[in-house]
Amino acid sequence: MGETKPLAPIGRARIGAYGRGRAATTATCLDHHPRGVELPINHLGAGAMGVRDDPFWEFERSGWERAAASYEDSWSGATRAYVEPLLSAARVAPGVRLLDVACGPGYVAGAAAELGADAVGLDVAEEMVARAAQRYAGVEFVVGDAHGLGFRDAAFDSVTMNFGIHHVADPERVFREARRVLRPGGIYTFTSWAGGAEHAPIAIAEAAVLPNAVAVELPVGPDFLRFSDRETCETVLPQAGFAPGSVTFETVRTSWRIPHVGHLFDAQLKGGVRMAALLRAQPGDVLERIREAMILETRRYETTDGSCVLPIAAHVITATAG
């Protein structure tokens, strides 16, 4: 039996919780690219080159390639719940030039296009881009990096990111790049999961993992919940070039119905990166204890038909390009 060592809470630890708007397999984009759709252009800007040496960058990139095939069945119900609030805060309207960064399976870019926006989705994982292009045939999707966007200055009216901020190696650089490609007065909008009891998936994961998991070595990344703090957002975004006093921070609470008590554990194991890596590294007996503990915690939200309704909460943050 592996020795159990205490882990820090998810908000401060490097283990993170789960996904953004995404899905994965270890196969390449070429293997699964939809017939009749050309391979995406690689929009990798010069600003991304340094960060690609960071082990956390490759850990996340390869992790999302692996997780892409499982994402739709894992986390889509949670992340899709915030597409409408995100686009509403971004004030998306017909004709708006919008870039969705860390687009995953394309939910935000697809919804923006339905509202009449001229939308582009960008993701570092080729498999995500391939799946997004297949799902939303009329929308442009490209492979690229949030740390170095391969677009000219002031190319967009709106830049969005739905939970991608949890998965980047250098958030400040990501914010600066978003500001660079926005026209003056353009709007940057992103979402960040809330911590604590109001967001059940993280609370359940902490209750199951922290007392049981064996500590393992994973690439060091930023605090998972750093930008779930209003003051942090109000400080960091103006430093990246957004107008002082323009930052808004709204908490949106809703619910996520999952099909059974084991779904959350399955999603954590197959549909994400940081938590999935932690779980896969556990000895078999430890992993089983975590699974049982997570099911026990999830059962508190079970309904009469066997599904579970989890309370979820996230912050929608906006800033205006100065």
Protein backbone atom coordinates (compact mmCIF):
# COMPACT_ATOMS: atom_id res chain seq x y z
CA MET A 1 0.00 0.00 0.00
CA GLY A 2 1.34 3.46 -0.88
CA GLU A 3 2.08 5.90 1.90
CA THR A 4 -0.62 8.56 2.16
CA LYS A 5 0.76 12.09 2.48
CA PRO A 6 -1.40 15.16 3.03
CA LEU A 7 -1.95 17.42 0.04
CA ALA A 8 -2.75 21.11 0.04
CA PRO A 9 -6.27 22.25 -0.91
CA ILE A 10 -6.84 22.51 -4.65
CA GLY A 11 -6.88 26.30 -4.68
CA ARG A 12 -3.28 26.44 -3.45
CA ALA A 13 -1.90 23.14 -4.71
CA ARG A 14 -0.61 22.30 -8.15
CA ILE A 15 -3.09 19.48 -8.66
CA GLY A 16 -5.97 21.60 -9.96
CA ALA A 17 -9.45 20.27 -10.48
CA TYR A 18 -10.58 19.74 -14.01
CA GLY A 19 -11.55 20.98 -17.38
CA ARG A 20 -12.42 23.88 -19.53
CA GLY A 21 -14.46 23.71 -22.74
CA ARG A 22 -12.70 20.57 -24.12
CA ALA A 23 -12.40 16.66 -25.15
CA ALA A 24 -9.01 13.77 -26.33
CA THR A 25 -7.09 10.80 -27.55
CA THR A 26 -3.39 10.18 -27.93
CA ALA A 27 -3.85 9.93 -31.71
CA THR A 28 -2.81 12.85 -33.86
CA CYS A 29 -5.02 15.43 -35.51
CA LEU A 30 -4.22 13.81 -38.86
CA ASP A 31 -5.68 10.52 -37.71
CA HIS A 32 -9.04 11.98 -36.76
CA HIS A 33 -9.43 15.13 -38.84
CA PRO A 34 -12.88 15.31 -40.47
CA ARG A 35 -12.91 14.52 -44.16
CA GLY A 36 -13.17 17.60 -46.33
CA VAL A 37 -11.79 19.97 -43.68
CA GLU A 38 -8.25 21.18 -44.20
CA LEU A 39 -5.75 21.03 -41.36
CA PRO A 40 -5.76 24.23 -39.29
CA ILE A 41 -3.18 26.96 -39.71
CA ASN A 42 -0.72 27.13 -36.82
CA HIS A 43 -1.21 30.56 -35.26
CA LEU A 44 1.77 30.46 -32.90
CA GLY A 45 3.09 33.96 -32.20
CA ALA A 46 6.66 34.78 -31.24
CA GLY A 47 5.60 35.52 -27.67
CA ALA A 48 4.89 31.84 -27.06
CA MET A 49 8.37 30.56 -27.79
CA GLY A 50 9.88 31.01 -24.31
CA VAL A 51 6.97 29.50 -22.44
CA ARG A 52 7.12 26.31 -24.51
CA ASP A 53 10.22 25.34 -22.50
CA ASP A 54 8.12 25.30 -19.32
CA PRO A 55 7.30 21.66 -18.41
CA PHE A 56 3.84 22.75 -17.29
CA TRP A 57 3.07 24.08 -20.80
CA GLU A 58 3.81 20.71 -22.40
CA PHE A 59 2.04 18.88 -19.55
CA GLU A 60 -1.16 20.81 -20.30
CA ARG A 61 -0.84 20.66 -24.09
CA SER A 62 -0.27 16.92 -24.22
CA GLY A 63 -2.85 16.36 -21.50
CA TRP A 64 -5.58 18.04 -23.52
CA GLU A 65 -4.61 16.09 -26.62
CA ARG A 66 -5.14 12.96 -24.52
CA ALA A 67 -8.35 14.17 -22.88
CA ALA A 68 -10.09 15.49 -25.99
CA ALA A 69 -12.01 12.31 -26.83
CA SER A 70 -13.45 12.12 -23.31
CA TYR A 71 -14.30 15.78 -22.79
CA GLU A 72 -17.77 15.87 -24.32
CA ASP A 73 -18.96 13.08 -22.03
CA SER A 74 -17.08 14.43 -19.01
CA TRP A 75 -17.25 18.20 -18.49
CA SER A 76 -19.29 19.71 -21.32
CA GLY A 77 -22.41 20.06 -19.19
CA ALA A 78 -20.53 22.18 -16.67
CA THR A 79 -18.55 24.39 -19.03
CA ARG A 80 -21.40 24.90 -21.51
CA ALA A 81 -23.50 26.36 -18.69
CA TYR A 82 -21.25 29.44 -18.83
CA VAL A 83 -21.22 30.05 -22.58
CA GLU A 84 -24.27 32.32 -22.50
CA PRO A 85 -23.13 34.36 -19.46
CA LEU A 86 -19.68 34.72 -21.03
CA LEU A 87 -21.01 35.97 -24.37
CA SER A 88 -23.55 38.21 -22.67
CA ALA A 89 -20.81 39.86 -20.62
CA ALA A 90 -18.73 40.19 -23.79
CA ARG A 91 -21.66 42.00 -25.47
CA VAL A 92 -21.39 39.87 -28.57
CA ALA A 93 -23.49 41.14 -31.47
CA PRO A 94 -23.65 40.66 -35.24
CA GLY A 95 -20.44 41.72 -36.95
CA VAL A 96 -18.24 41.60 -33.85
CA ARG A 97 -14.79 40.15 -34.56
CA LEU A 98 -14.29 37.61 -31.78
CA LEU A 99 -11.37 35.36 -30.84
CA ASP A 100 -12.07 32.52 -28.40
CA VAL A 101 -8.80 31.40 -26.81
CA ALA A 102 -8.47 27.85 -25.43
CA CYS A 103 -11.59 27.06 -27.42
CA GLY A 104 -11.61 23.31 -26.76
CA PRO A 105 -14.48 21.66 -28.70
CA GLY A 106 -15.60 25.09 -29.94
CA TYR A 107 -18.66 25.76 -27.78
CA VAL A 108 -18.04 29.51 -27.32
CA ALA A 109 -16.95 30.26 -30.89
CA GLY A 110 -19.87 28.24 -32.25
CA ALA A 111 -22.39 30.07 -30.08
CA ALA A 112 -20.84 33.44 -30.96
CA ALA A 113 -21.17 32.65 -34.66
CA GLU A 114 -24.84 31.81 -34.14
CA LEU A 115 -25.23 35.33 -32.70
CA GLY A 116 -23.76 36.77 -35.88
CA ALA A 117 -20.19 37.31 -34.73
CA ASP A 118 -17.21 36.78 -37.01
CA ALA A 119 -15.70 34.18 -34.68
CA VAL A 120 -12.35 32.39 -34.60
CA GLY A 121 -11.52 29.63 -32.13
CA LEU A 122 -7.93 28.89 -31.10
CA ASP A 123 -6.51 26.03 -29.07
CA VAL A 124 -3.07 24.58 -28.39
CA ALA A 125 -4.34 21.00 -28.74
CA GLU A 126 -4.68 19.87 -32.37
CA GLU A 127 -7.24 17.22 -31.48
CA MET A 128 -9.48 19.84 -29.88
CA VAL A 129 -9.25 22.03 -32.96
CA ALA A 130 -10.08 19.10 -35.25
CA ARG A 131 -13.15 18.23 -33.21
CA ALA A 132 -14.29 21.86 -33.05
CA ALA A 133 -13.95 22.22 -36.83
CA GLN A 134 -16.01 19.09 -37.34
CA ARG A 135 -18.73 20.26 -34.94
CA TYR A 136 -18.98 23.84 -36.25
CA ALA A 137 -18.24 23.60 -39.96
CA GLY A 138 -18.86 27.29 -40.68
CA VAL A 139 -16.50 28.63 -38.00
CA GLU A 140 -12.74 29.09 -38.35
CA PHE A 141 -10.60 27.16 -35.86
CA VAL A 142 -6.81 27.32 -35.65
CA VAL A 143 -4.02 25.71 -33.65
CA GLY A 144 -2.22 28.29 -31.56
CA ASP A 145 -1.04 29.35 -28.13
CA ALA A 146 -2.62 31.82 -25.73
CA HIS A 147 0.87 32.99 -24.71
CA GLY A 148 1.73 34.14 -28.24
CA LEU A 149 -1.25 34.74 -30.50
CA GLY A 150 -0.35 34.71 -34.19
CA PHE A 151 -2.61 37.64 -35.07
CA ARG A 152 -1.85 41.29 -35.78
CA ASP A 153 -2.38 44.01 -33.21
CA ALA A 154 -5.97 45.24 -32.72
CA ALA A 155 -7.39 42.45 -34.90
CA PHE A 156 -10.45 41.74 -32.71
CA ASP A 157 -13.32 43.52 -30.99
CA SER A 158 -13.69 40.78 -28.39
CA VAL A 159 -11.45 38.08 -26.88
CA THR A 160 -12.97 35.34 -24.72
CA MET A 161 -11.63 32.42 -22.69
CA ASN A 162 -13.96 29.93 -21.02
CA PHE A 163 -12.01 28.38 -18.09
CA GLY A 164 -8.77 28.32 -20.05
CA ILE A 165 -7.08 30.58 -17.49
CA HIS A 166 -6.78 27.57 -15.18
CA HIS A 167 -4.52 25.81 -17.69
CA VAL A 168 -1.92 28.34 -18.86
CA ALA A 169 1.69 28.52 -17.70
CA ASP A 170 1.97 32.33 -17.59
CA PRO A 171 -1.38 34.10 -17.04
CA GLU A 172 0.13 37.59 -17.19
CA ARG A 173 1.54 36.90 -20.64
CA VAL A 174 -1.83 35.54 -21.73
CA PHE A 175 -3.54 38.74 -20.58
CA ARG A 176 -0.98 40.91 -22.40
CA GLU A 177 -1.51 38.97 -25.62
CA ALA A 178 -5.29 39.31 -25.33
CA ARG A 179 -4.85 43.06 -24.89
CA ARG A 180 -2.50 43.26 -27.87
CA VAL A 181 -4.93 41.68 -30.34
CA LEU A 182 -7.88 43.75 -29.06
CA ARG A 183 -8.71 47.10 -30.58
CA PRO A 184 -8.84 50.03 -28.12
CA GLY A 185 -12.15 49.76 -26.32
CA GLY A 186 -12.44 46.04 -27.08
CA ILE A 187 -13.63 43.67 -24.36
CA TYR A 188 -11.75 40.77 -22.80
CA THR A 189 -13.98 38.24 -21.03
CA PHE A 190 -12.98 35.07 -19.21
CA THR A 191 -14.38 32.66 -16.65
CA SER A 192 -12.80 31.15 -13.56
CA TRP A 193 -14.27 28.45 -11.34
CA ALA A 194 -15.22 29.46 -7.81
CA GLY A 195 -13.79 27.63 -4.83
CA GLY A 196 -15.43 26.50 -1.64
CA ALA A 197 -18.70 24.75 -0.98
CA GLU A 198 -20.68 26.71 -3.59
CA HIS A 199 -18.84 24.82 -6.34
CA ALA A 200 -19.47 21.16 -5.57
CA PRO A 201 -17.03 19.52 -8.04
CA ILE A 202 -14.01 21.09 -6.34
CA ALA A 203 -15.42 20.60 -2.84
CA ILE A 204 -16.08 16.91 -3.58
CA ALA A 205 -12.63 16.42 -5.09
CA GLU A 206 -10.93 18.00 -2.09
CA ALA A 207 -12.94 15.88 0.36
CA ALA A 208 -12.03 12.67 -1.48
CA VAL A 209 -8.47 13.34 -2.61
CA LEU A 210 -6.78 15.33 0.15
CA PRO A 211 -7.11 12.72 2.95
CA ASN A 212 -6.28 9.77 0.71
CA ALA A 213 -3.93 10.57 -2.16
CA VAL A 214 -0.25 9.76 -2.21
CA ALA A 215 1.80 12.85 -3.08
CA VAL A 216 3.30 12.62 -6.58
CA GLU A 217 5.61 14.77 -8.66
CA LEU A 218 3.79 16.85 -11.27
CA PRO A 219 4.98 19.88 -13.25
CA VAL A 220 4.53 23.03 -11.20
CA GLY A 221 1.81 25.32 -12.51
CA PRO A 222 0.05 28.48 -11.32
CA ASP A 223 -2.46 28.43 -8.48
CA PHE A 224 -5.59 26.88 -9.98
CA LEU A 225 -7.93 29.43 -8.36
CA ARG A 226 -5.72 32.52 -8.48
CA PHE A 227 -8.15 34.47 -10.66
CA SER A 228 -11.16 33.45 -8.62
CA ASP A 229 -10.30 36.45 -6.46
CA ARG A 230 -11.73 39.86 -7.36
CA GLU A 231 -8.80 41.90 -6.04
CA THR A 232 -6.29 39.82 -7.98
CA CYS A 233 -8.20 40.42 -11.22
CA GLU A 234 -8.54 44.13 -10.49
CA THR A 235 -4.78 44.35 -9.95
CA VAL A 236 -3.35 42.11 -12.66
CA LEU A 237 -5.54 43.02 -15.64
CA PRO A 238 -4.69 46.77 -15.61
CA GLN A 239 -1.01 45.79 -15.38
CA ALA A 240 -1.53 43.92 -18.67
CA GLY A 241 -2.82 47.06 -20.40
CA PHE A 242 -6.53 47.03 -19.65
CA ALA A 243 -8.19 50.25 -18.57
CA PRO A 244 -8.00 50.93 -14.81
CA GLY A 245 -11.46 50.73 -13.29
CA SER A 246 -12.86 48.73 -16.21
CA VAL A 247 -12.66 45.30 -14.57
CA THR A 248 -15.98 43.66 -13.69
CA PHE A 249 -16.34 40.49 -11.62
CA GLU A 250 -19.66 38.65 -11.46
CA THR A 251 -20.35 35.31 -9.78
CA VAL A 252 -22.81 33.09 -11.67
CA ARG A 253 -24.33 30.19 -9.75
CA THR A 254 -26.21 27.38 -11.45
CA SER A 255 -26.39 23.58 -11.36
CA TRP A 256 -25.00 20.68 -13.33
CA ARG A 257 -26.93 17.43 -13.68
CA ILE A 258 -24.73 14.35 -14.02
CA PRO A 259 -26.13 10.92 -14.95
CA HIS A 260 -24.97 8.89 -11.93
CA VAL A 261 -22.91 9.05 -8.73
CA GLY A 262 -19.77 7.74 -10.44
CA HIS A 263 -19.73 10.35 -13.20
CA LEU A 264 -17.65 12.95 -11.37
CA PHE A 265 -14.86 10.48 -10.59
CA ASP A 266 -14.86 9.24 -14.19
CA ALA A 267 -14.68 12.84 -15.45
CA GLN A 268 -11.78 13.66 -13.14
CA LEU A 269 -9.90 10.55 -14.26
CA LYS A 270 -10.48 10.81 -18.01
CA GLY A 271 -11.59 14.30 -18.98
CA GLY A 272 -8.99 16.68 -17.57
CA VAL A 273 -5.27 17.13 -16.99
CA ARG A 274 -4.00 18.05 -13.53
CA MET A 275 -6.36 15.94 -11.45
CA ALA A 276 -6.29 13.15 -14.02
CA ALA A 277 -2.50 12.98 -13.80
CA LEU A 278 -2.64 12.86 -10.02
CA LEU A 279 -5.21 10.07 -10.04
CA ARG A 280 -3.43 7.98 -12.67
CA ALA A 281 -0.27 8.07 -10.54
CA GLN A 282 -1.98 6.59 -7.47
CA PRO A 283 -1.47 2.96 -6.42
CA GLY A 284 -4.52 0.83 -7.20
CA ASP A 285 -5.74 0.56 -3.61
CA VAL A 286 -5.40 4.30 -3.06
CA LEU A 287 -7.23 5.10 -6.29
CA GLU A 288 -10.08 2.83 -5.21
CA ARG A 289 -10.33 4.64 -1.85
CA ILE A 290 -10.50 7.96 -3.65
CA ARG A 291 -13.17 6.64 -6.01
CA GLU A 292 -15.30 5.36 -3.13
CA ALA A 293 -14.89 8.62 -1.21
CA MET A 294 -15.84 10.70 -4.24
CA ILE A 295 -18.93 8.58 -4.88
CA LEU A 296 -19.92 8.92 -1.23
CA GLU A 297 -19.62 12.71 -1.40
CA THR A 298 -21.47 12.87 -4.73
CA ARG A 299 -24.32 10.74 -3.39
CA ARG A 300 -25.44 13.68 -1.24
CA TYR A 301 -26.71 15.28 -4.46
CA GLU A 302 -28.46 12.18 -5.85
CA THR A 303 -32.06 12.48 -7.05
CA THR A 304 -34.80 9.87 -7.25
CA ASP A 305 -33.92 8.91 -10.83
CA GLY A 306 -30.27 8.21 -9.95
CA SER A 307 -28.86 11.37 -11.49
CA CYS A 308 -27.15 13.99 -9.33
CA VAL A 309 -27.64 17.76 -9.41
CA LEU A 310 -24.45 19.51 -8.36
CA PRO A 311 -24.35 23.20 -7.44
CA ILE A 312 -21.66 24.92 -9.50
CA ALA A 313 -20.35 28.47 -9.45
CA ALA A 314 -17.94 30.48 -11.56
CA HIS A 315 -16.83 34.07 -11.93
CA VAL A 316 -17.27 35.97 -15.20
CA ILE A 317 -14.59 38.64 -15.48
CA THR A 318 -14.38 41.42 -18.06
CA ALA A 319 -11.88 44.17 -18.80
CA THR A 320 -11.79 46.87 -21.47
CA ALA A 321 -8.69 47.45 -23.59
CA GLY A 322 -7.23 50.85 -22.75
